[in-house]
Amino acid sequence: MLIPPIGTPMTQSKRGFTLIELLVVIAIIAILAAILFPVFAQAKAAAKKTQDLSNFKQIATAIVLYANDNDDLSLISNHDAGIEWFQSLYPYVKSNDVFRTPAYTRVAVDHEGESETPETDYAINGLWTHATPLTNSSAPAEQITVGLRARLNGEIDYHPWPAQAGGVWDDLTTYYDVEHENEDWFLERLERTPWNNQGSNFSFLDGHAKYFNFDRTVRNAFPLPGFHNVDRISYFDPVAP
């Protein structure tokens, strides 16, 4: 065995990273993070949007099943008696969690002068809360039944018709509720752009659910309000339900 000369170290010390090398590595990591974080955020938002659409689909199916068991009649709401539309659907859904949206964090809001967190994050179209026959609709695949409740609004229904007899159907400014200080009957009660400021999911009378840009739901089919009231039914109409 060869013996190293006196004064020769047995091993060589390892060289560490220089400051420049560390800065380069940190810069690469920062660039990758800047690229990947938005991708992860978009993937997370897409997953929530899909879950929300699933909720809408289950609610739409539950409404149809309820009607099948009740002579084709829609739900009944009676706010004074404490009967809310979604309660009738509990037997037709796997879990009551379908009435909770992943679109936003639920908060307490002012409702009838009291601060409370609504029991559902979805708002039903008022046309279908008075034991209305589902067959009354001329286009069930185009008739919206449920939308996403506005996060800061405690009302769990909305009314897509002018506020008074003789109201102008094609003017959305006539859709207001006098009893609630002229609150807009559905533009203020619905969360219109929960996904990337573009649109929302909706349930339809035939049992399907679909994502739409909100403006399209009121302007795609004239006269207004489009998909929200295909047959122009109004509670001021003597033949309305």
Protein backbone atom coordinates (compact mmCIF):
# COMPACT_ATOMS: atom_id res chain seq x y z
CA MET A 1 0.00 0.00 0.00
CA LEU A 2 1.30 3.39 -0.90
CA ILE A 3 1.67 5.82 1.95
CA PRO A 4 0.94 9.44 1.06
CA PRO A 5 3.76 11.85 1.66
CA ILE A 6 3.88 13.62 4.96
CA GLY A 7 1.67 16.72 4.91
CA THR A 8 -0.68 15.38 2.18
CA PRO A 9 -4.38 15.38 3.33
CA MET A 10 -6.14 11.99 3.29
CA THR A 11 -9.30 13.40 1.63
CA GLN A 12 -10.17 16.46 -0.38
CA SER A 13 -12.81 18.82 1.04
CA LYS A 14 -16.06 19.15 -0.99
CA ARG A 15 -16.69 22.47 -2.66
CA GLY A 16 -20.06 24.16 -1.74
CA PHE A 17 -22.40 26.19 -3.94
CA THR A 18 -21.33 29.66 -4.76
CA LEU A 19 -23.64 32.58 -4.16
CA ILE A 20 -24.24 32.92 -7.90
CA GLU A 21 -25.27 29.28 -8.18
CA LEU A 22 -27.69 29.61 -5.27
CA LEU A 23 -29.25 32.69 -6.82
CA VAL A 24 -29.68 30.85 -10.13
CA VAL A 25 -31.41 27.93 -8.38
CA ILE A 26 -33.71 30.29 -6.47
CA ALA A 27 -34.57 32.13 -9.69
CA ILE A 28 -35.44 28.84 -11.45
CA ILE A 29 -37.66 27.79 -8.53
CA ALA A 30 -39.41 31.18 -8.60
CA ILE A 31 -40.05 30.89 -12.33
CA LEU A 32 -41.46 27.38 -11.97
CA ALA A 33 -43.68 28.51 -9.09
CA ALA A 34 -44.97 31.44 -11.13
CA ILE A 35 -45.86 29.03 -13.94
CA LEU A 36 -47.32 26.19 -11.86
CA PHE A 37 -49.26 28.02 -9.13
CA PRO A 38 -51.84 29.50 -11.57
CA VAL A 39 -52.21 26.05 -13.12
CA PHE A 40 -52.88 24.53 -9.71
CA ALA A 41 -55.34 27.33 -8.90
CA GLN A 42 -57.19 26.77 -12.17
CA ALA A 43 -57.32 23.03 -11.54
CA LYS A 44 -58.72 23.63 -8.06
CA ALA A 45 -61.34 26.05 -9.40
CA ALA A 46 -62.29 23.58 -12.14
CA ALA A 47 -62.79 20.84 -9.54
CA LYS A 48 -65.04 23.12 -7.47
CA LYS A 49 -66.99 24.12 -10.55
CA THR A 50 -67.53 20.44 -11.41
CA GLN A 51 -68.70 19.70 -7.86
CA ASP A 52 -71.07 22.66 -8.02
CA LEU A 53 -72.45 21.40 -11.34
CA SER A 54 -72.99 18.00 -9.73
CA ASN A 55 -75.00 19.69 -6.97
CA PHE A 56 -77.14 21.43 -9.57
CA LYS A 57 -77.69 18.15 -11.39
CA GLN A 58 -78.79 16.38 -8.20
CA ILE A 59 -81.15 19.23 -7.31
CA ALA A 60 -82.63 19.22 -10.83
CA THR A 61 -83.16 15.45 -10.66
CA ALA A 62 -84.71 15.75 -7.20
CA ILE A 63 -87.23 18.32 -8.47
CA VAL A 64 -88.28 15.96 -11.26
CA LEU A 65 -88.55 13.01 -8.85
CA TYR A 66 -90.63 15.11 -6.46
CA ALA A 67 -93.00 16.01 -9.30
CA ASN A 68 -93.26 12.34 -10.32
CA ASP A 69 -94.47 11.54 -6.81
CA ASN A 70 -96.84 14.52 -6.63
CA ASP A 71 -99.00 14.45 -9.76
CA ASP A 72 -96.46 16.39 -11.83
CA LEU A 73 -96.61 19.35 -9.42
CA SER A 74 -93.63 21.44 -8.44
CA LEU A 75 -92.53 22.30 -4.92
CA ILE A 76 -94.39 24.54 -2.49
CA SER A 77 -92.78 27.33 -0.48
CA ASN A 78 -94.51 29.13 2.36
CA HIS A 79 -92.15 31.56 4.03
CA ASP A 80 -94.68 32.59 6.67
CA ALA A 81 -95.17 28.96 7.71
CA GLY A 82 -91.44 28.26 7.60
CA ILE A 83 -91.74 25.82 4.68
CA GLU A 84 -88.79 26.25 2.32
CA TRP A 85 -88.45 24.71 -1.13
CA PHE A 86 -85.32 22.66 -0.53
CA GLN A 87 -86.76 20.86 2.49
CA SER A 88 -89.13 18.91 0.24
CA LEU A 89 -86.14 17.59 -1.69
CA TYR A 90 -84.28 16.04 1.24
CA PRO A 91 -85.73 12.54 0.59
CA TYR A 92 -84.55 12.71 -3.03
CA VAL A 93 -80.86 13.55 -2.52
CA LYS A 94 -78.05 11.41 -1.14
CA SER A 95 -76.88 14.13 1.23
CA ASN A 96 -78.13 17.53 2.29
CA ASP A 97 -74.64 18.80 1.47
CA VAL A 98 -75.77 19.17 -2.16
CA PHE A 99 -77.34 22.45 -1.00
CA ARG A 100 -73.88 23.79 -0.10
CA THR A 101 -71.82 25.27 -2.91
CA PRO A 102 -68.02 25.14 -3.15
CA ALA A 103 -68.17 28.40 -5.13
CA TYR A 104 -67.77 30.61 -2.09
CA THR A 105 -67.38 30.69 1.68
CA ARG A 106 -70.76 30.91 3.36
CA VAL A 107 -71.35 33.94 5.59
CA ALA A 108 -74.14 35.28 7.76
CA VAL A 109 -76.27 37.86 5.98
CA ASP A 110 -79.12 40.14 6.87
CA HIS A 111 -82.46 38.43 6.27
CA GLU A 112 -85.70 40.02 7.37
CA GLY A 113 -83.77 42.15 9.88
CA GLU A 114 -81.83 39.25 11.40
CA SER A 115 -78.29 38.05 10.76
CA GLU A 116 -78.29 34.41 9.68
CA THR A 117 -76.54 31.98 7.37
CA PRO A 118 -79.05 30.66 4.83
CA GLU A 119 -79.61 26.90 4.93
CA THR A 120 -79.08 26.63 1.18
CA ASP A 121 -76.64 28.30 -1.18
CA TYR A 122 -79.00 27.89 -4.12
CA ALA A 123 -82.00 30.01 -5.11
CA ILE A 124 -85.06 28.56 -6.81
CA ASN A 125 -86.98 30.21 -9.61
CA GLY A 126 -90.23 31.45 -8.03
CA LEU A 127 -92.25 30.05 -10.93
CA TRP A 128 -91.75 26.57 -9.50
CA THR A 129 -92.58 27.05 -5.81
CA HIS A 130 -96.39 27.05 -5.98
CA ALA A 131 -97.38 23.49 -6.96
CA THR A 132 -97.11 24.37 -10.64
CA PRO A 133 -97.44 21.48 -13.13
CA LEU A 134 -94.06 20.88 -14.74
CA THR A 135 -95.84 20.19 -18.03
CA ASN A 136 -96.94 23.85 -18.11
CA SER A 137 -93.57 24.71 -19.61
CA SER A 138 -93.35 24.70 -23.39
CA ALA A 139 -89.58 24.14 -23.30
CA PRO A 140 -88.46 22.27 -20.13
CA ALA A 141 -84.92 21.82 -21.48
CA GLU A 142 -84.58 25.61 -21.73
CA GLN A 143 -86.38 26.55 -18.51
CA ILE A 144 -84.09 27.36 -15.58
CA THR A 145 -85.34 26.20 -12.18
CA VAL A 146 -82.41 26.89 -9.82
CA GLY A 147 -79.49 29.34 -9.76
CA LEU A 148 -76.70 30.10 -7.31
CA ARG A 149 -77.76 32.36 -4.44
CA ALA A 150 -75.79 35.57 -4.15
CA ARG A 151 -73.30 35.15 -1.31
CA LEU A 152 -74.37 38.34 0.49
CA ASN A 153 -78.12 37.95 -0.13
CA GLY A 154 -80.30 35.94 2.21
CA GLU A 155 -83.16 35.35 -0.24
CA ILE A 156 -83.30 31.73 -1.44
CA ASP A 157 -85.65 32.36 -4.34
CA TYR A 158 -85.93 34.85 -7.20
CA HIS A 159 -88.77 36.06 -9.42
CA PRO A 160 -88.15 36.50 -13.17
CA TRP A 161 -91.09 38.69 -14.11
CA PRO A 162 -91.78 42.44 -14.04
CA ALA A 163 -92.76 43.87 -10.69
CA GLN A 164 -96.24 45.00 -11.63
CA ALA A 165 -99.01 44.41 -14.13
CA GLY A 166 -98.15 46.05 -17.40
CA GLY A 167 -94.43 45.93 -16.62
CA VAL A 168 -92.02 46.02 -19.51
CA TRP A 169 -90.82 42.46 -20.05
CA ASP A 170 -87.75 43.40 -22.04
CA ASP A 171 -86.50 45.93 -19.48
CA LEU A 172 -84.63 44.24 -16.62
CA THR A 173 -84.94 47.39 -14.50
CA THR A 174 -88.66 46.56 -14.03
CA TYR A 175 -87.83 43.32 -12.21
CA TYR A 176 -87.90 44.52 -8.61
CA ASP A 177 -89.61 43.79 -5.31
CA VAL A 178 -91.39 46.76 -3.70
CA GLU A 179 -91.66 44.96 -0.35
CA HIS A 180 -87.87 44.65 -0.19
CA GLU A 181 -87.10 48.31 -0.93
CA ASN A 182 -87.15 47.83 -4.69
CA GLU A 183 -84.61 45.02 -4.52
CA ASP A 184 -83.92 43.54 -7.93
CA TRP A 185 -85.94 40.33 -8.07
CA PHE A 186 -83.24 38.15 -9.53
CA LEU A 187 -80.18 40.09 -10.66
CA GLU A 188 -79.32 40.92 -7.04
CA ARG A 189 -80.36 37.55 -5.65
CA LEU A 190 -78.19 35.40 -7.92
CA GLU A 191 -74.42 34.98 -7.89
CA ARG A 192 -73.92 35.55 -11.59
CA THR A 193 -70.16 35.13 -12.07
CA PRO A 194 -68.68 32.80 -9.42
CA TRP A 195 -66.26 31.12 -11.85
CA ASN A 196 -63.55 33.38 -13.28
CA ASN A 197 -66.01 36.27 -13.62
CA GLN A 198 -67.73 34.57 -16.53
CA GLY A 199 -70.83 32.62 -15.60
CA SER A 200 -72.60 30.15 -13.36
CA ASN A 201 -74.17 26.71 -13.30
CA PHE A 202 -77.96 26.30 -13.52
CA SER A 203 -80.57 23.56 -13.08
CA PHE A 204 -83.21 23.06 -15.76
CA LEU A 205 -86.78 21.80 -15.62
CA ASP A 206 -86.09 18.61 -17.60
CA GLY A 207 -83.56 17.48 -14.97
CA HIS A 208 -80.25 18.47 -16.53
CA ALA A 209 -77.74 21.07 -15.35
CA LYS A 210 -75.43 23.26 -17.40
CA TYR A 211 -72.94 26.10 -17.15
CA PHE A 212 -73.91 29.37 -18.83
CA ASN A 213 -72.62 32.88 -19.11
CA PHE A 214 -75.27 34.76 -17.14
CA ASP A 215 -75.93 37.33 -19.86
CA ARG A 216 -76.77 34.51 -22.22
CA THR A 217 -79.47 33.21 -19.89
CA VAL A 218 -81.37 36.49 -20.17
CA ARG A 219 -80.55 37.49 -23.73
CA ASN A 220 -80.13 34.27 -25.68
CA ALA A 221 -83.89 33.81 -26.02
CA PHE A 222 -86.14 36.83 -26.44
CA PRO A 223 -88.29 38.15 -24.93
CA LEU A 224 -86.54 38.63 -21.63
CA PRO A 225 -85.83 37.10 -19.23
CA GLY A 226 -84.85 34.29 -21.58
CA PHE A 227 -84.17 30.94 -19.97
CA HIS A 228 -85.47 32.12 -16.59
CA ASN A 229 -89.05 32.48 -17.81
CA VAL A 230 -89.45 30.83 -21.21
CA ASP A 231 -93.24 31.23 -21.33
CA ARG A 232 -93.45 34.73 -19.85
CA ILE A 233 -95.48 33.64 -16.84
CA SER A 234 -96.28 36.42 -14.39
CA TYR A 235 -98.06 36.33 -11.05
CA PHE A 236 -99.94 39.37 -12.25
CA ASP A 237 -101.37 37.33 -15.11
CA PRO A 238 -104.81 35.90 -14.20
CA VAL A 239 -103.86 32.54 -15.72
CA ALA A 240 -100.55 32.33 -13.91
CA PRO A 241 -100.14 29.75 -11.10
